[in-house]
Amino acid sequence: MGMAVVATMVALAGLVVPVGVVLVARQGVANAADAAALAAADAASGAIGGYPCDVADVAAGLNAATVTGCELDGLVASVTVSRTVLGFAIASSARAGPSP
């Protein structure tokens, strides 16, 4: 009986831990998208040097993500980034720019 309880707890932990890792990574990817969009918008406005989508790629890379989409509409940057965690592709998008 005791071994069955221990085995069940180990099995549940084996399921819960990866789910937790993916959920934490999802927030990290969202943060990477925010940082990349802000960096691209800053470059578009001239606040920092560089090409907006190149700067976004660097910002995403610093957050362990890869830019999969980058578009500019004037000074507004829309960026999509992704990262693969435990075999799951996680993507997030963000927009940044001056207030309308």
N, C-alpha and C. Protein backbone atom coordinates (compact mmCIF):
# COMPACT_ATOMS: atom_id res chain seq x y z
N MET A 1 0.83 -1.20 0.00
CA MET A 1 0.00 0.00 0.00
C MET A 1 0.87 1.26 0.00
N GLY A 2 1.88 1.29 0.87
CA GLY A 2 2.76 2.45 0.96
C GLY A 2 3.52 2.69 -0.33
N MET A 3 3.96 1.62 -0.97
CA MET A 3 4.70 1.76 -2.23
C MET A 3 3.80 2.30 -3.34
N ALA A 4 2.53 1.92 -3.31
CA ALA A 4 1.59 2.42 -4.32
C ALA A 4 1.39 3.92 -4.18
N VAL A 5 1.32 4.39 -2.94
CA VAL A 5 1.15 5.83 -2.69
C VAL A 5 2.39 6.58 -3.17
N VAL A 6 3.56 6.06 -2.85
CA VAL A 6 4.80 6.70 -3.27
C VAL A 6 4.90 6.71 -4.80
N ALA A 7 4.57 5.60 -5.42
CA ALA A 7 4.62 5.52 -6.88
C ALA A 7 3.65 6.51 -7.53
N THR A 8 2.47 6.65 -6.96
CA THR A 8 1.49 7.60 -7.47
C THR A 8 2.00 9.03 -7.33
N MET A 9 2.60 9.35 -6.20
CA MET A 9 3.12 10.70 -5.98
C MET A 9 4.26 11.01 -6.95
N VAL A 10 5.12 10.04 -7.19
CA VAL A 10 6.22 10.25 -8.14
C VAL A 10 5.67 10.45 -9.55
N ALA A 11 4.66 9.67 -9.92
CA ALA A 11 4.05 9.81 -11.25
C ALA A 11 3.40 11.18 -11.41
N LEU A 12 2.70 11.63 -10.38
CA LEU A 12 2.07 12.96 -10.45
C LEU A 12 3.11 14.06 -10.54
N ALA A 13 4.19 13.93 -9.78
CA ALA A 13 5.26 14.93 -9.85
C ALA A 13 5.87 14.95 -11.24
N GLY A 14 5.98 13.79 -11.86
CA GLY A 14 6.52 13.71 -13.21
C GLY A 14 5.66 14.41 -14.23
N LEU A 15 4.37 14.55 -13.94
CA LEU A 15 3.46 15.26 -14.84
C LEU A 15 3.38 16.75 -14.50
N VAL A 16 3.40 17.07 -13.22
CA VAL A 16 3.22 18.45 -12.79
C VAL A 16 4.44 19.31 -13.08
N VAL A 17 5.62 18.78 -12.85
CA VAL A 17 6.84 19.57 -13.04
C VAL A 17 6.99 20.06 -14.48
N PRO A 18 6.86 19.21 -15.51
CA PRO A 18 6.98 19.73 -16.88
C PRO A 18 5.92 20.78 -17.22
N VAL A 19 4.72 20.60 -16.72
CA VAL A 19 3.67 21.60 -16.98
C VAL A 19 4.06 22.93 -16.36
N GLY A 20 4.60 22.89 -15.15
CA GLY A 20 5.06 24.11 -14.50
C GLY A 20 6.18 24.78 -15.27
N VAL A 21 7.11 23.99 -15.78
CA VAL A 21 8.22 24.53 -16.57
C VAL A 21 7.70 25.24 -17.81
N VAL A 22 6.75 24.64 -18.49
CA VAL A 22 6.19 25.24 -19.71
C VAL A 22 5.43 26.53 -19.37
N LEU A 23 4.70 26.54 -18.27
CA LEU A 23 3.96 27.75 -17.89
C LEU A 23 4.91 28.90 -17.55
N VAL A 24 5.99 28.60 -16.85
CA VAL A 24 6.97 29.63 -16.53
C VAL A 24 7.65 30.12 -17.81
N ALA A 25 7.96 29.21 -18.71
CA ALA A 25 8.59 29.59 -19.98
C ALA A 25 7.66 30.46 -20.81
N ARG A 26 6.37 30.21 -20.74
CA ARG A 26 5.41 31.02 -21.50
C ARG A 26 5.49 32.48 -21.07
N GLN A 27 5.61 32.72 -19.77
CA GLN A 27 5.74 34.10 -19.28
C GLN A 27 7.06 34.70 -19.74
N GLY A 28 8.11 33.89 -19.76
CA GLY A 28 9.40 34.37 -20.25
C GLY A 28 9.35 34.76 -21.72
N VAL A 29 8.62 34.01 -22.51
CA VAL A 29 8.48 34.33 -23.94
C VAL A 29 7.67 35.62 -24.10
N ALA A 30 6.65 35.80 -23.28
CA ALA A 30 5.88 37.05 -23.33
C ALA A 30 6.77 38.24 -22.98
N ASN A 31 7.63 38.07 -21.98
CA ASN A 31 8.57 39.13 -21.61
C ASN A 31 9.54 39.42 -22.76
N ALA A 32 10.00 38.37 -23.43
CA ALA A 32 10.90 38.54 -24.57
C ALA A 32 10.22 39.30 -25.69
N ALA A 33 8.95 39.01 -25.94
CA ALA A 33 8.21 39.73 -26.98
C ALA A 33 8.07 41.21 -26.62
N ASP A 34 7.77 41.49 -25.36
CA ASP A 34 7.67 42.89 -24.92
C ASP A 34 8.99 43.62 -25.12
N ALA A 35 10.08 43.00 -24.69
CA ALA A 35 11.39 43.63 -24.81
C ALA A 35 11.76 43.86 -26.27
N ALA A 36 11.49 42.88 -27.11
CA ALA A 36 11.82 43.01 -28.53
C ALA A 36 11.00 44.11 -29.19
N ALA A 37 9.71 44.19 -28.88
CA ALA A 37 8.86 45.23 -29.46
C ALA A 37 9.30 46.62 -29.00
N LEU A 38 9.62 46.75 -27.72
CA LEU A 38 10.09 48.04 -27.21
C LEU A 38 11.41 48.44 -27.87
N ALA A 39 12.31 47.49 -28.03
CA ALA A 39 13.59 47.79 -28.67
C ALA A 39 13.39 48.21 -30.12
N ALA A 40 12.52 47.51 -30.83
CA ALA A 40 12.25 47.86 -32.23
C ALA A 40 11.63 49.25 -32.34
N ALA A 41 10.69 49.56 -31.45
CA ALA A 41 10.05 50.87 -31.48
C ALA A 41 11.06 51.97 -31.15
N ASP A 42 11.96 51.71 -30.20
CA ASP A 42 12.99 52.69 -29.88
C ASP A 42 13.91 52.93 -31.08
N ALA A 43 14.27 51.86 -31.78
CA ALA A 43 15.11 52.02 -32.97
C ALA A 43 14.37 52.76 -34.08
N ALA A 44 13.08 52.48 -34.24
CA ALA A 44 12.29 53.16 -35.27
C ALA A 44 12.18 54.65 -35.00
N SER A 45 12.12 55.02 -33.72
CA SER A 45 11.98 56.43 -33.36
C SER A 45 13.31 57.16 -33.35
N GLY A 46 14.41 56.41 -33.43
CA GLY A 46 15.73 57.03 -33.39
C GLY A 46 16.29 57.18 -31.99
N ALA A 47 15.57 56.69 -30.99
CA ALA A 47 16.05 56.78 -29.61
C ALA A 47 17.31 55.95 -29.40
N ILE A 48 17.43 54.86 -30.15
CA ILE A 48 18.65 54.04 -30.13
C ILE A 48 19.03 53.75 -31.58
N GLY A 49 20.27 53.40 -31.81
CA GLY A 49 20.73 53.13 -33.17
C GLY A 49 20.38 51.73 -33.63
N GLY A 50 20.44 51.54 -34.93
CA GLY A 50 20.23 50.22 -35.50
C GLY A 50 18.92 50.11 -36.25
N TYR A 51 18.82 49.01 -37.00
CA TYR A 51 17.58 48.71 -37.72
C TYR A 51 16.59 48.07 -36.75
N PRO A 52 15.34 48.52 -36.74
CA PRO A 52 14.38 48.06 -35.74
C PRO A 52 14.27 46.54 -35.59
N CYS A 53 14.15 45.82 -36.68
CA CYS A 53 13.97 44.36 -36.56
C CYS A 53 15.25 43.66 -36.14
N ASP A 54 16.41 44.24 -36.51
CA ASP A 54 17.68 43.68 -36.04
C ASP A 54 17.83 43.88 -34.54
N VAL A 55 17.45 45.06 -34.07
CA VAL A 55 17.52 45.36 -32.64
C VAL A 55 16.54 44.46 -31.88
N ALA A 56 15.37 44.23 -32.46
CA ALA A 56 14.39 43.32 -31.83
C ALA A 56 14.95 41.92 -31.71
N ASP A 57 15.67 41.48 -32.74
CA ASP A 57 16.26 40.14 -32.72
C ASP A 57 17.29 40.01 -31.61
N VAL A 58 18.09 41.05 -31.40
CA VAL A 58 19.07 41.03 -30.32
C VAL A 58 18.37 40.99 -28.96
N ALA A 59 17.34 41.82 -28.79
CA ALA A 59 16.61 41.84 -27.52
C ALA A 59 15.96 40.50 -27.24
N ALA A 60 15.39 39.88 -28.25
CA ALA A 60 14.76 38.57 -28.07
C ALA A 60 15.82 37.53 -27.71
N GLY A 61 16.96 37.58 -28.38
CA GLY A 61 18.04 36.64 -28.10
C GLY A 61 18.54 36.74 -26.67
N LEU A 62 18.59 37.96 -26.13
CA LEU A 62 19.00 38.14 -24.74
C LEU A 62 18.01 37.50 -23.78
N ASN A 63 16.81 37.25 -24.26
CA ASN A 63 15.77 36.60 -23.46
C ASN A 63 15.52 35.17 -23.92
N ALA A 64 16.49 34.59 -24.61
CA ALA A 64 16.44 33.18 -25.05
C ALA A 64 15.27 32.89 -25.98
N ALA A 65 14.93 33.85 -26.82
CA ALA A 65 13.84 33.65 -27.79
C ALA A 65 14.34 34.07 -29.17
N THR A 66 13.57 33.72 -30.19
CA THR A 66 13.90 34.03 -31.57
C THR A 66 12.75 34.82 -32.20
N VAL A 67 13.08 35.89 -32.90
CA VAL A 67 12.05 36.67 -33.60
C VAL A 67 11.56 35.86 -34.80
N THR A 68 10.25 35.67 -34.86
CA THR A 68 9.65 34.96 -35.99
C THR A 68 8.83 35.90 -36.87
N GLY A 69 8.60 37.12 -36.39
CA GLY A 69 7.88 38.11 -37.18
C GLY A 69 8.16 39.50 -36.65
N CYS A 70 8.36 40.45 -37.55
CA CYS A 70 8.64 41.83 -37.15
C CYS A 70 8.08 42.75 -38.23
N GLU A 71 7.17 43.62 -37.84
CA GLU A 71 6.57 44.57 -38.77
C GLU A 71 6.57 45.96 -38.17
N LEU A 72 6.76 46.95 -39.02
CA LEU A 72 6.72 48.34 -38.59
C LEU A 72 5.61 49.06 -39.32
N ASP A 73 4.87 49.87 -38.58
CA ASP A 73 3.86 50.75 -39.15
C ASP A 73 4.18 52.13 -38.60
N GLY A 74 5.00 52.86 -39.32
CA GLY A 74 5.48 54.13 -38.80
C GLY A 74 6.43 53.87 -37.64
N LEU A 75 6.07 54.38 -36.48
CA LEU A 75 6.90 54.18 -35.29
C LEU A 75 6.39 53.04 -34.41
N VAL A 76 5.36 52.35 -34.85
CA VAL A 76 4.79 51.24 -34.08
C VAL A 76 5.39 49.93 -34.57
N ALA A 77 5.94 49.17 -33.64
CA ALA A 77 6.56 47.88 -33.96
C ALA A 77 5.68 46.75 -33.44
N SER A 78 5.46 45.75 -34.27
CA SER A 78 4.75 44.53 -33.88
C SER A 78 5.73 43.37 -34.06
N VAL A 79 5.99 42.66 -32.97
CA VAL A 79 7.00 41.61 -32.98
C VAL A 79 6.41 40.32 -32.43
N THR A 80 6.75 39.20 -33.08
CA THR A 80 6.39 37.87 -32.59
C THR A 80 7.68 37.11 -32.34
N VAL A 81 7.76 36.47 -31.18
CA VAL A 81 8.94 35.68 -30.83
C VAL A 81 8.50 34.28 -30.44
N SER A 82 9.45 33.35 -30.47
CA SER A 82 9.14 31.98 -30.05
C SER A 82 10.34 31.34 -29.39
N ARG A 83 10.05 30.27 -28.66
CA ARG A 83 11.07 29.46 -28.01
C ARG A 83 10.49 28.06 -27.87
N THR A 84 11.34 27.05 -28.01
CA THR A 84 10.90 25.67 -27.81
C THR A 84 11.36 25.20 -26.44
N VAL A 85 10.40 24.72 -25.65
CA VAL A 85 10.69 24.23 -24.30
C VAL A 85 10.09 22.84 -24.15
N LEU A 86 10.91 21.88 -23.83
CA LEU A 86 10.47 20.49 -23.65
C LEU A 86 9.68 19.99 -24.86
N GLY A 87 10.08 20.43 -26.04
CA GLY A 87 9.42 19.99 -27.26
C GLY A 87 8.18 20.78 -27.64
N PHE A 88 7.79 21.75 -26.82
CA PHE A 88 6.62 22.58 -27.11
C PHE A 88 7.08 23.93 -27.64
N ALA A 89 6.56 24.33 -28.79
CA ALA A 89 6.85 25.65 -29.34
C ALA A 89 5.94 26.66 -28.66
N ILE A 90 6.55 27.67 -28.05
CA ILE A 90 5.80 28.70 -27.35
C ILE A 90 6.04 30.02 -28.08
N ALA A 91 4.98 30.72 -28.44
CA ALA A 91 5.10 31.98 -29.17
C ALA A 91 4.30 33.07 -28.45
N SER A 92 4.74 34.29 -28.64
CA SER A 92 4.04 35.44 -28.07
C SER A 92 4.29 36.65 -28.97
N SER A 93 3.33 37.55 -29.00
CA SER A 93 3.43 38.77 -29.80
C SER A 93 3.26 39.99 -28.92
N ALA A 94 3.87 41.10 -29.34
CA ALA A 94 3.73 42.36 -28.61
C ALA A 94 3.83 43.51 -29.60
N ARG A 95 3.22 44.63 -29.22
CA ARG A 95 3.29 45.87 -30.00
C ARG A 95 3.81 46.96 -29.10
N ALA A 96 4.58 47.87 -29.68
CA ALA A 96 5.09 49.01 -28.91
C ALA A 96 5.25 50.19 -29.85
N GLY A 97 5.09 51.36 -29.28
CA GLY A 97 5.24 52.59 -30.05
C GLY A 97 4.64 53.74 -29.28
N PRO A 98 4.63 54.92 -29.89
CA PRO A 98 4.07 56.08 -29.20
C PRO A 98 2.56 55.96 -29.04
N SER A 99 2.05 56.68 -28.07
CA SER A 99 0.60 56.70 -27.84
C SER A 99 -0.10 57.29 -29.05
N PRO A 100 -1.29 56.78 -29.37
CA PRO A 100 -2.03 57.33 -30.53
C PRO A 100 -2.52 58.74 -30.27
